[in-house]
Amino acid sequence: MSVTVDSNLSRLSLHFDQISAELQKKLKVAIGRATHQLLARVKAAEPVQTGRLRAATHAFVDEREDFVRGRVRILATGKANPLAARFGALEYGAPGKRRSGPVTVRAYRRGGQPVGSYERRRPRIQARRFLRGSMAAMRPAIKAELEAAIGQVINEFDFDIVK
């Protein structure tokens, strides 16, 4: 059984060439535990103003015959696009749109003449990193828990050598 590890800011993956049912069961328990701990950390790090972000954040543990996966996601609501854009701006930050140059004013107010350029408010949203930051903080603990689950299955494996 060979194992390869793939890791980046938001994902930790273990790839097996083959996986036994016992190992898959142990990994599902370990991944489920780690996923729900990650969900608690993410919800604690999320900003709370209306509670929509916390209500839309959910944890999933998916199991199929060839993989086990744990995910923490922010699900789209009925008003998916504007709300998802706001959540993304909170996670990744937003530098704001550069606004300068002449601004035309409606004709009935100023005769359609351009107004001289002036400094407008430029929104700057700092990245909160509640999803990626929580995962980065938990990465060593998750890795150790998965290694322990794999080691436990290997130790329980009965090596019957021909006597």
N, C-alpha and C. Protein backbone atom coordinates (compact mmCIF):
# COMPACT_ATOMS: atom_id res chain seq x y z
N MET A 1 0.86 -1.17 0.00
CA MET A 1 0.00 0.00 0.00
C MET A 1 0.90 1.23 0.00
N SER A 2 0.79 2.07 -1.03
CA SER A 2 1.57 3.30 -1.08
C SER A 2 0.66 4.50 -0.82
N VAL A 3 1.23 5.53 -0.18
CA VAL A 3 0.48 6.72 0.19
C VAL A 3 1.24 7.94 -0.32
N THR A 4 0.51 8.86 -0.98
CA THR A 4 1.08 10.14 -1.35
C THR A 4 0.27 11.23 -0.66
N VAL A 5 0.95 12.31 -0.23
CA VAL A 5 0.32 13.40 0.48
C VAL A 5 0.34 14.63 -0.41
N ASP A 6 -0.82 15.26 -0.56
CA ASP A 6 -0.96 16.49 -1.34
C ASP A 6 -1.51 17.56 -0.40
N SER A 7 -0.84 18.70 -0.31
CA SER A 7 -1.26 19.71 0.66
C SER A 7 -1.10 21.11 0.07
N ASN A 8 -2.11 21.97 0.30
CA ASN A 8 -2.01 23.38 -0.04
C ASN A 8 -2.74 24.17 1.03
N LEU A 9 -3.07 25.45 0.76
CA LEU A 9 -3.68 26.30 1.79
C LEU A 9 -5.02 25.79 2.29
N SER A 10 -5.80 25.19 1.43
CA SER A 10 -7.16 24.83 1.82
C SER A 10 -7.43 23.33 1.77
N ARG A 11 -6.42 22.52 1.54
CA ARG A 11 -6.68 21.09 1.34
C ARG A 11 -5.51 20.25 1.85
N LEU A 12 -5.84 19.13 2.44
CA LEU A 12 -4.87 18.11 2.81
C LEU A 12 -5.39 16.79 2.28
N SER A 13 -4.67 16.17 1.36
CA SER A 13 -5.15 14.95 0.70
C SER A 13 -4.14 13.83 0.88
N LEU A 14 -4.66 12.65 1.18
CA LEU A 14 -3.87 11.43 1.20
C LEU A 14 -4.40 10.54 0.09
N HIS A 15 -3.52 10.10 -0.79
CA HIS A 15 -3.93 9.25 -1.91
C HIS A 15 -3.34 7.85 -1.70
N PHE A 16 -4.20 6.86 -1.73
CA PHE A 16 -3.79 5.46 -1.58
C PHE A 16 -3.98 4.76 -2.91
N ASP A 17 -3.08 3.82 -3.22
CA ASP A 17 -3.28 3.03 -4.43
C ASP A 17 -4.41 2.02 -4.24
N GLN A 18 -4.61 1.57 -3.00
CA GLN A 18 -5.76 0.74 -2.67
C GLN A 18 -6.08 0.99 -1.20
N ILE A 19 -7.36 0.84 -0.85
CA ILE A 19 -7.79 1.13 0.51
C ILE A 19 -8.70 0.00 0.99
N SER A 20 -8.42 -0.49 2.19
CA SER A 20 -9.25 -1.58 2.74
C SER A 20 -10.47 -0.98 3.42
N ALA A 21 -11.47 -1.82 3.65
CA ALA A 21 -12.70 -1.36 4.29
C ALA A 21 -12.44 -0.92 5.72
N GLU A 22 -11.55 -1.61 6.41
CA GLU A 22 -11.23 -1.26 7.80
C GLU A 22 -10.53 0.09 7.87
N LEU A 23 -9.58 0.32 6.98
CA LEU A 23 -8.88 1.60 6.93
C LEU A 23 -9.85 2.72 6.58
N GLN A 24 -10.74 2.46 5.64
CA GLN A 24 -11.71 3.48 5.24
C GLN A 24 -12.62 3.84 6.41
N LYS A 25 -13.02 2.85 7.20
CA LYS A 25 -13.88 3.10 8.36
C LYS A 25 -13.15 3.96 9.39
N LYS A 26 -11.88 3.63 9.68
CA LYS A 26 -11.08 4.40 10.64
C LYS A 26 -10.86 5.82 10.14
N LEU A 27 -10.58 5.95 8.84
CA LEU A 27 -10.36 7.28 8.27
C LEU A 27 -11.63 8.12 8.31
N LYS A 28 -12.79 7.50 8.10
CA LYS A 28 -14.04 8.25 8.16
C LYS A 28 -14.28 8.81 9.55
N VAL A 29 -13.99 8.03 10.56
CA VAL A 29 -14.15 8.51 11.94
C VAL A 29 -13.18 9.66 12.22
N ALA A 30 -11.91 9.48 11.84
CA ALA A 30 -10.90 10.52 12.08
C ALA A 30 -11.20 11.78 11.28
N ILE A 31 -11.57 11.64 10.03
CA ILE A 31 -11.87 12.80 9.19
C ILE A 31 -13.14 13.50 9.68
N GLY A 32 -14.14 12.73 10.10
CA GLY A 32 -15.36 13.33 10.64
C GLY A 32 -15.10 14.15 11.88
N ARG A 33 -14.28 13.61 12.78
CA ARG A 33 -13.93 14.33 14.01
C ARG A 33 -13.18 15.63 13.66
N ALA A 34 -12.20 15.52 12.77
CA ALA A 34 -11.41 16.70 12.40
C ALA A 34 -12.26 17.73 11.66
N THR A 35 -13.18 17.28 10.83
CA THR A 35 -14.04 18.20 10.08
C THR A 35 -14.95 18.98 11.01
N HIS A 36 -15.51 18.32 12.01
CA HIS A 36 -16.39 19.03 12.94
C HIS A 36 -15.62 19.96 13.86
N GLN A 37 -14.38 19.63 14.19
CA GLN A 37 -13.53 20.57 14.93
C GLN A 37 -13.21 21.78 14.06
N LEU A 38 -12.95 21.55 12.79
CA LEU A 38 -12.68 22.65 11.87
C LEU A 38 -13.90 23.54 11.71
N LEU A 39 -15.08 22.95 11.64
CA LEU A 39 -16.32 23.73 11.55
C LEU A 39 -16.48 24.65 12.77
N ALA A 40 -16.18 24.11 13.95
CA ALA A 40 -16.29 24.94 15.16
C ALA A 40 -15.30 26.10 15.11
N ARG A 41 -14.08 25.85 14.64
CA ARG A 41 -13.09 26.93 14.54
C ARG A 41 -13.50 27.98 13.51
N VAL A 42 -14.01 27.52 12.37
CA VAL A 42 -14.43 28.44 11.32
C VAL A 42 -15.57 29.33 11.82
N LYS A 43 -16.56 28.73 12.46
CA LYS A 43 -17.69 29.51 12.96
C LYS A 43 -17.26 30.49 14.04
N ALA A 44 -16.27 30.12 14.84
CA ALA A 44 -15.77 31.03 15.87
C ALA A 44 -15.01 32.21 15.24
N ALA A 45 -14.36 31.98 14.11
CA ALA A 45 -13.57 33.03 13.46
C ALA A 45 -14.40 33.91 12.54
N GLU A 46 -15.60 33.46 12.16
CA GLU A 46 -16.43 34.24 11.24
C GLU A 46 -16.97 35.49 11.91
N PRO A 47 -17.07 36.58 11.15
CA PRO A 47 -17.68 37.79 11.71
C PRO A 47 -19.18 37.59 11.89
N VAL A 48 -19.71 38.19 12.94
CA VAL A 48 -21.14 38.04 13.22
C VAL A 48 -21.77 39.43 13.21
N GLN A 49 -22.63 39.64 12.26
CA GLN A 49 -23.41 40.87 12.26
C GLN A 49 -24.89 40.51 12.17
N THR A 50 -25.23 39.72 11.16
CA THR A 50 -26.62 39.29 11.02
C THR A 50 -26.78 37.81 11.31
N GLY A 51 -25.70 37.04 11.30
CA GLY A 51 -25.77 35.60 11.53
C GLY A 51 -25.95 34.78 10.26
N ARG A 52 -26.06 35.44 9.10
CA ARG A 52 -26.26 34.72 7.84
C ARG A 52 -25.06 33.85 7.48
N LEU A 53 -23.87 34.39 7.73
CA LEU A 53 -22.66 33.66 7.36
C LEU A 53 -22.54 32.37 8.19
N ARG A 54 -22.78 32.47 9.48
CA ARG A 54 -22.71 31.28 10.32
C ARG A 54 -23.81 30.28 9.97
N ALA A 55 -24.98 30.78 9.62
CA ALA A 55 -26.09 29.89 9.26
C ALA A 55 -25.81 29.16 7.95
N ALA A 56 -25.02 29.77 7.06
CA ALA A 56 -24.74 29.17 5.77
C ALA A 56 -23.52 28.26 5.79
N THR A 57 -22.78 28.19 6.90
CA THR A 57 -21.57 27.40 7.00
C THR A 57 -21.92 26.00 7.52
N HIS A 58 -21.50 24.97 6.77
CA HIS A 58 -21.83 23.59 7.12
C HIS A 58 -20.62 22.68 6.89
N ALA A 59 -20.62 21.56 7.60
CA ALA A 59 -19.57 20.54 7.44
C ALA A 59 -20.17 19.30 6.79
N PHE A 60 -19.40 18.67 5.94
CA PHE A 60 -19.83 17.45 5.25
C PHE A 60 -18.72 16.42 5.32
N VAL A 61 -19.09 15.17 5.52
CA VAL A 61 -18.15 14.06 5.43
C VAL A 61 -18.72 13.12 4.36
N ASP A 62 -18.04 13.03 3.24
CA ASP A 62 -18.49 12.22 2.11
C ASP A 62 -17.68 10.94 2.06
N GLU A 63 -18.37 9.82 1.80
CA GLU A 63 -17.69 8.54 1.71
C GLU A 63 -18.21 7.78 0.49
N ARG A 64 -17.28 7.36 -0.31
CA ARG A 64 -17.60 6.47 -1.44
C ARG A 64 -16.63 5.30 -1.36
N GLU A 65 -16.75 4.40 -2.30
CA GLU A 65 -15.91 3.20 -2.21
C GLU A 65 -14.43 3.49 -2.42
N ASP A 66 -14.10 4.61 -3.08
CA ASP A 66 -12.69 4.88 -3.34
C ASP A 66 -12.13 6.10 -2.61
N PHE A 67 -12.94 6.82 -1.81
CA PHE A 67 -12.41 7.95 -1.06
C PHE A 67 -13.30 8.30 0.13
N VAL A 68 -12.68 9.04 1.06
CA VAL A 68 -13.38 9.65 2.19
C VAL A 68 -12.94 11.10 2.21
N ARG A 69 -13.92 12.01 2.32
CA ARG A 69 -13.59 13.43 2.23
C ARG A 69 -14.37 14.20 3.28
N GLY A 70 -13.71 15.15 3.92
CA GLY A 70 -14.36 16.07 4.85
C GLY A 70 -14.25 17.47 4.30
N ARG A 71 -15.37 18.22 4.36
CA ARG A 71 -15.37 19.58 3.82
C ARG A 71 -16.13 20.51 4.75
N VAL A 72 -15.68 21.75 4.81
CA VAL A 72 -16.42 22.83 5.45
C VAL A 72 -16.69 23.84 4.36
N ARG A 73 -17.98 24.11 4.11
CA ARG A 73 -18.37 24.99 3.00
C ARG A 73 -19.37 26.01 3.46
N ILE A 74 -19.44 27.09 2.70
CA ILE A 74 -20.48 28.09 2.87
C ILE A 74 -21.44 27.88 1.72
N LEU A 75 -22.65 27.45 2.05
CA LEU A 75 -23.63 27.12 1.02
C LEU A 75 -24.33 28.38 0.52
N ALA A 76 -24.65 28.36 -0.76
CA ALA A 76 -25.39 29.48 -1.35
C ALA A 76 -26.82 29.48 -0.82
N THR A 77 -27.36 30.67 -0.64
CA THR A 77 -28.73 30.79 -0.17
C THR A 77 -29.61 31.17 -1.35
N GLY A 78 -30.84 31.57 -1.10
CA GLY A 78 -31.75 31.96 -2.17
C GLY A 78 -31.22 33.14 -2.97
N LYS A 79 -30.55 34.07 -2.31
CA LYS A 79 -29.94 35.21 -2.99
C LYS A 79 -28.45 34.93 -3.12
N ALA A 80 -28.10 33.94 -3.90
CA ALA A 80 -26.75 33.38 -3.91
C ALA A 80 -25.67 34.36 -4.34
N ASN A 81 -25.84 35.03 -5.45
CA ASN A 81 -24.74 35.81 -6.00
C ASN A 81 -24.30 36.98 -5.12
N PRO A 82 -25.19 37.90 -4.71
CA PRO A 82 -24.71 39.01 -3.88
C PRO A 82 -24.18 38.55 -2.53
N LEU A 83 -24.84 37.57 -1.94
CA LEU A 83 -24.40 37.09 -0.63
C LEU A 83 -23.07 36.36 -0.73
N ALA A 84 -22.90 35.53 -1.76
CA ALA A 84 -21.64 34.82 -1.95
C ALA A 84 -20.50 35.79 -2.21
N ALA A 85 -20.76 36.86 -2.92
CA ALA A 85 -19.72 37.86 -3.18
C ALA A 85 -19.30 38.54 -1.88
N ARG A 86 -20.24 38.79 -1.00
CA ARG A 86 -19.90 39.40 0.29
C ARG A 86 -19.07 38.45 1.14
N PHE A 87 -19.47 37.17 1.18
CA PHE A 87 -18.71 36.20 1.95
C PHE A 87 -17.29 36.05 1.39
N GLY A 88 -17.17 36.04 0.06
CA GLY A 88 -15.85 35.96 -0.57
C GLY A 88 -15.00 37.16 -0.25
N ALA A 89 -15.60 38.35 -0.22
CA ALA A 89 -14.85 39.56 0.11
C ALA A 89 -14.36 39.50 1.55
N LEU A 90 -15.15 38.93 2.45
CA LEU A 90 -14.71 38.80 3.83
C LEU A 90 -13.58 37.79 3.97
N GLU A 91 -13.63 36.69 3.21
CA GLU A 91 -12.59 35.67 3.30
C GLU A 91 -11.30 36.12 2.63
N TYR A 92 -11.40 36.64 1.41
CA TYR A 92 -10.21 36.95 0.62
C TYR A 92 -9.80 38.41 0.66
N GLY A 93 -10.68 39.30 1.13
CA GLY A 93 -10.39 40.72 1.14
C GLY A 93 -10.76 41.36 -0.18
N ALA A 94 -10.90 42.67 -0.17
CA ALA A 94 -11.26 43.38 -1.39
C ALA A 94 -10.54 44.72 -1.40
N PRO A 95 -9.74 44.98 -2.43
CA PRO A 95 -8.99 46.23 -2.46
C PRO A 95 -9.85 47.43 -2.82
N GLY A 96 -11.01 47.20 -3.35
CA GLY A 96 -11.86 48.31 -3.75
C GLY A 96 -11.59 48.68 -5.19
N LYS A 97 -12.55 49.34 -5.80
CA LYS A 97 -12.44 49.74 -7.19
C LYS A 97 -11.84 51.14 -7.26
N ARG A 98 -10.85 51.30 -8.12
CA ARG A 98 -10.22 52.60 -8.27
C ARG A 98 -11.20 53.52 -8.98
N ARG A 99 -11.51 54.64 -8.36
CA ARG A 99 -12.49 55.57 -8.91
C ARG A 99 -11.87 56.96 -8.99
N SER A 100 -11.54 57.36 -10.16
CA SER A 100 -11.03 58.72 -10.33
C SER A 100 -11.39 59.18 -11.73
N GLY A 101 -11.15 60.42 -12.00
CA GLY A 101 -11.49 60.97 -13.30
C GLY A 101 -12.78 61.77 -13.24
N PRO A 102 -13.15 62.35 -14.36
CA PRO A 102 -14.36 63.18 -14.34
C PRO A 102 -15.61 62.35 -14.13
N VAL A 103 -16.53 62.91 -13.42
CA VAL A 103 -17.80 62.26 -13.12
C VAL A 103 -18.89 63.09 -13.78
N THR A 104 -19.67 62.45 -14.64
CA THR A 104 -20.75 63.21 -15.28
C THR A 104 -21.96 63.23 -14.37
N VAL A 105 -22.59 64.37 -14.33
CA VAL A 105 -23.77 64.56 -13.50
C VAL A 105 -24.96 64.64 -14.44
N ARG A 106 -26.09 64.18 -14.00
CA ARG A 106 -27.27 64.17 -14.86
C ARG A 106 -27.58 65.57 -15.36
N ALA A 107 -28.08 65.61 -16.56
CA ALA A 107 -28.29 66.88 -17.25
C ALA A 107 -29.28 67.79 -16.53
N TYR A 108 -30.30 67.25 -15.95
CA TYR A 108 -31.30 68.12 -15.33
C TYR A 108 -30.76 68.80 -14.07
N ARG A 109 -29.62 68.39 -13.58
CA ARG A 109 -29.05 69.02 -12.39
C ARG A 109 -27.99 70.06 -12.72
N ARG A 110 -27.11 69.77 -13.69
CA ARG A 110 -26.01 70.69 -13.96
C ARG A 110 -25.85 70.98 -15.45
N GLY A 111 -26.80 70.68 -16.22
CA GLY A 111 -26.68 70.94 -17.65
C GLY A 111 -25.77 69.96 -18.36
N GLY A 112 -25.47 68.82 -17.78
CA GLY A 112 -24.65 67.79 -18.41
C GLY A 112 -23.18 68.09 -18.41
N GLN A 113 -22.74 69.12 -17.71
CA GLN A 113 -21.32 69.45 -17.68
C GLN A 113 -20.59 68.52 -16.71
N PRO A 114 -19.36 68.10 -17.08
CA PRO A 114 -18.63 67.22 -16.17
C PRO A 114 -18.16 67.96 -14.93
N VAL A 115 -18.13 67.24 -13.85
CA VAL A 115 -17.63 67.77 -12.59
C VAL A 115 -16.16 67.39 -12.52
N GLY A 116 -15.33 68.25 -11.97
CA GLY A 116 -13.90 67.96 -11.85
C GLY A 116 -13.68 66.72 -11.01
N SER A 117 -12.56 66.04 -11.28
CA SER A 117 -12.29 64.81 -10.55
C SER A 117 -12.05 65.12 -9.08
N TYR A 118 -12.46 64.22 -8.25
CA TYR A 118 -12.28 64.36 -6.82
C TYR A 118 -12.09 62.97 -6.22
N GLU A 119 -11.64 62.92 -5.01
CA GLU A 119 -11.37 61.65 -4.35
C GLU A 119 -12.65 61.08 -3.77
N ARG A 120 -13.04 59.92 -4.25
CA ARG A 120 -14.19 59.23 -3.70
C ARG A 120 -13.74 58.23 -2.65
N ARG A 121 -14.68 57.78 -1.86
CA ARG A 121 -14.40 56.76 -0.87
C ARG A 121 -14.02 55.47 -1.60
N ARG A 122 -12.93 54.88 -1.19
CA ARG A 122 -12.47 53.63 -1.79
C ARG A 122 -12.53 52.53 -0.73
N PRO A 123 -13.47 51.59 -0.84
CA PRO A 123 -13.59 50.57 0.20
C PRO A 123 -12.39 49.63 0.20
N ARG A 124 -11.90 49.33 1.36
CA ARG A 124 -10.81 48.36 1.51
C ARG A 124 -11.24 47.39 2.60
N ILE A 125 -11.43 46.14 2.22
CA ILE A 125 -11.85 45.12 3.17
C ILE A 125 -10.66 44.20 3.42
N GLN A 126 -10.26 44.10 4.66
CA GLN A 126 -9.15 43.22 5.02
C GLN A 126 -9.61 41.76 4.96
N ALA A 127 -8.73 40.90 4.49
CA ALA A 127 -9.05 39.46 4.42
C ALA A 127 -9.12 38.90 5.83
N ARG A 128 -10.23 38.25 6.15
CA ARG A 128 -10.41 37.67 7.49
C ARG A 128 -9.84 36.26 7.58
N ARG A 129 -9.80 35.54 6.47
CA ARG A 129 -9.24 34.18 6.37
C ARG A 129 -9.82 33.22 7.40
N PHE A 130 -11.13 33.29 7.62
CA PHE A 130 -11.74 32.40 8.59
C PHE A 130 -11.77 30.96 8.11
N LEU A 131 -11.85 30.71 6.80
CA LEU A 131 -11.79 29.34 6.28
C LEU A 131 -10.35 28.86 6.14
N ARG A 132 -9.54 29.60 5.37
CA ARG A 132 -8.17 29.18 5.11
C ARG A 132 -7.29 29.26 6.36
N GLY A 133 -7.50 30.28 7.18
CA GLY A 133 -6.70 30.42 8.39
C GLY A 133 -6.97 29.31 9.40
N SER A 134 -8.24 28.93 9.53
CA SER A 134 -8.57 27.85 10.46
C SER A 134 -7.97 26.53 9.99
N MET A 135 -8.02 26.29 8.68
CA MET A 135 -7.44 25.06 8.14
C MET A 135 -5.93 25.05 8.33
N ALA A 136 -5.28 26.18 8.10
CA ALA A 136 -3.82 26.25 8.26
C ALA A 136 -3.42 26.02 9.72
N ALA A 137 -4.23 26.51 10.66
CA ALA A 137 -3.92 26.32 12.08
C ALA A 137 -4.11 24.87 12.50
N MET A 138 -5.08 24.19 11.91
CA MET A 138 -5.37 22.80 12.29
C MET A 138 -4.59 21.76 11.49
N ARG A 139 -3.89 22.17 10.44
CA ARG A 139 -3.21 21.22 9.56
C ARG A 139 -2.31 20.22 10.31
N PRO A 140 -1.43 20.65 11.23
CA PRO A 140 -0.59 19.65 11.93
C PRO A 140 -1.41 18.66 12.76
N ALA A 141 -2.45 19.14 13.42
CA ALA A 141 -3.28 18.25 14.24
C ALA A 141 -4.04 17.25 13.37
N ILE A 142 -4.57 17.71 12.24
CA ILE A 142 -5.29 16.82 11.33
C ILE A 142 -4.35 15.77 10.75
N LYS A 143 -3.15 16.21 10.37
CA LYS A 143 -2.18 15.29 9.79
C LYS A 143 -1.79 14.21 10.81
N ALA A 144 -1.58 14.63 12.07
CA ALA A 144 -1.21 13.68 13.12
C ALA A 144 -2.36 12.70 13.39
N GLU A 145 -3.60 13.18 13.37
CA GLU A 145 -4.75 12.31 13.62
C GLU A 145 -4.90 11.27 12.51
N LEU A 146 -4.69 11.70 11.26
CA LEU A 146 -4.79 10.75 10.15
C LEU A 146 -3.65 9.74 10.18
N GLU A 147 -2.45 10.19 10.53
CA GLU A 147 -1.32 9.26 10.65
C GLU A 147 -1.57 8.24 11.75
N ALA A 148 -2.18 8.69 12.86
CA ALA A 148 -2.48 7.78 13.96
C ALA A 148 -3.52 6.74 13.53
N ALA A 149 -4.53 7.17 12.77
CA ALA A 149 -5.56 6.22 12.30
C ALA A 149 -4.94 5.19 11.35
N ILE A 150 -4.07 5.63 10.46
CA ILE A 150 -3.41 4.71 9.53
C ILE A 150 -2.48 3.76 10.30
N GLY A 151 -1.74 4.30 11.26
CA GLY A 151 -0.84 3.47 12.07
C GLY A 151 -1.58 2.44 12.89
N GLN A 152 -2.75 2.80 13.40
CA GLN A 152 -3.55 1.87 14.18
C GLN A 152 -4.02 0.70 13.32
N VAL A 153 -4.43 0.97 12.10
CA VAL A 153 -4.86 -0.10 11.20
C VAL A 153 -3.68 -1.00 10.84
N ILE A 154 -2.53 -0.40 10.61
CA ILE A 154 -1.35 -1.20 10.26
C ILE A 154 -0.94 -2.07 11.44
N ASN A 155 -1.00 -1.53 12.67
CA ASN A 155 -0.64 -2.32 13.86
C ASN A 155 -1.63 -3.44 14.13
N GLU A 156 -2.91 -3.23 13.80
CA GLU A 156 -3.92 -4.25 14.02
C GLU A 156 -3.87 -5.35 12.96
N PHE A 157 -3.22 -5.05 11.84
CA PHE A 157 -3.14 -6.02 10.77
C PHE A 157 -2.35 -7.23 11.26
N ASP A 158 -2.90 -8.41 11.07
CA ASP A 158 -2.28 -9.64 11.58
C ASP A 158 -1.34 -10.17 10.51
N PHE A 159 -0.06 -10.14 10.86
CA PHE A 159 0.94 -10.67 9.94
C PHE A 159 1.11 -12.17 10.22
N ASP A 160 0.45 -12.98 9.44
CA ASP A 160 0.60 -14.43 9.60
C ASP A 160 1.72 -14.90 8.67
N ILE A 161 2.82 -15.18 9.27
CA ILE A 161 3.96 -15.68 8.50
C ILE A 161 3.87 -17.21 8.48
N VAL A 162 4.19 -17.76 7.38
CA VAL A 162 4.13 -19.22 7.24
C VAL A 162 5.02 -19.85 8.28
N LYS A 163 4.43 -20.74 9.09
CA LYS A 163 5.18 -21.36 10.19
C LYS A 163 5.70 -22.72 9.79
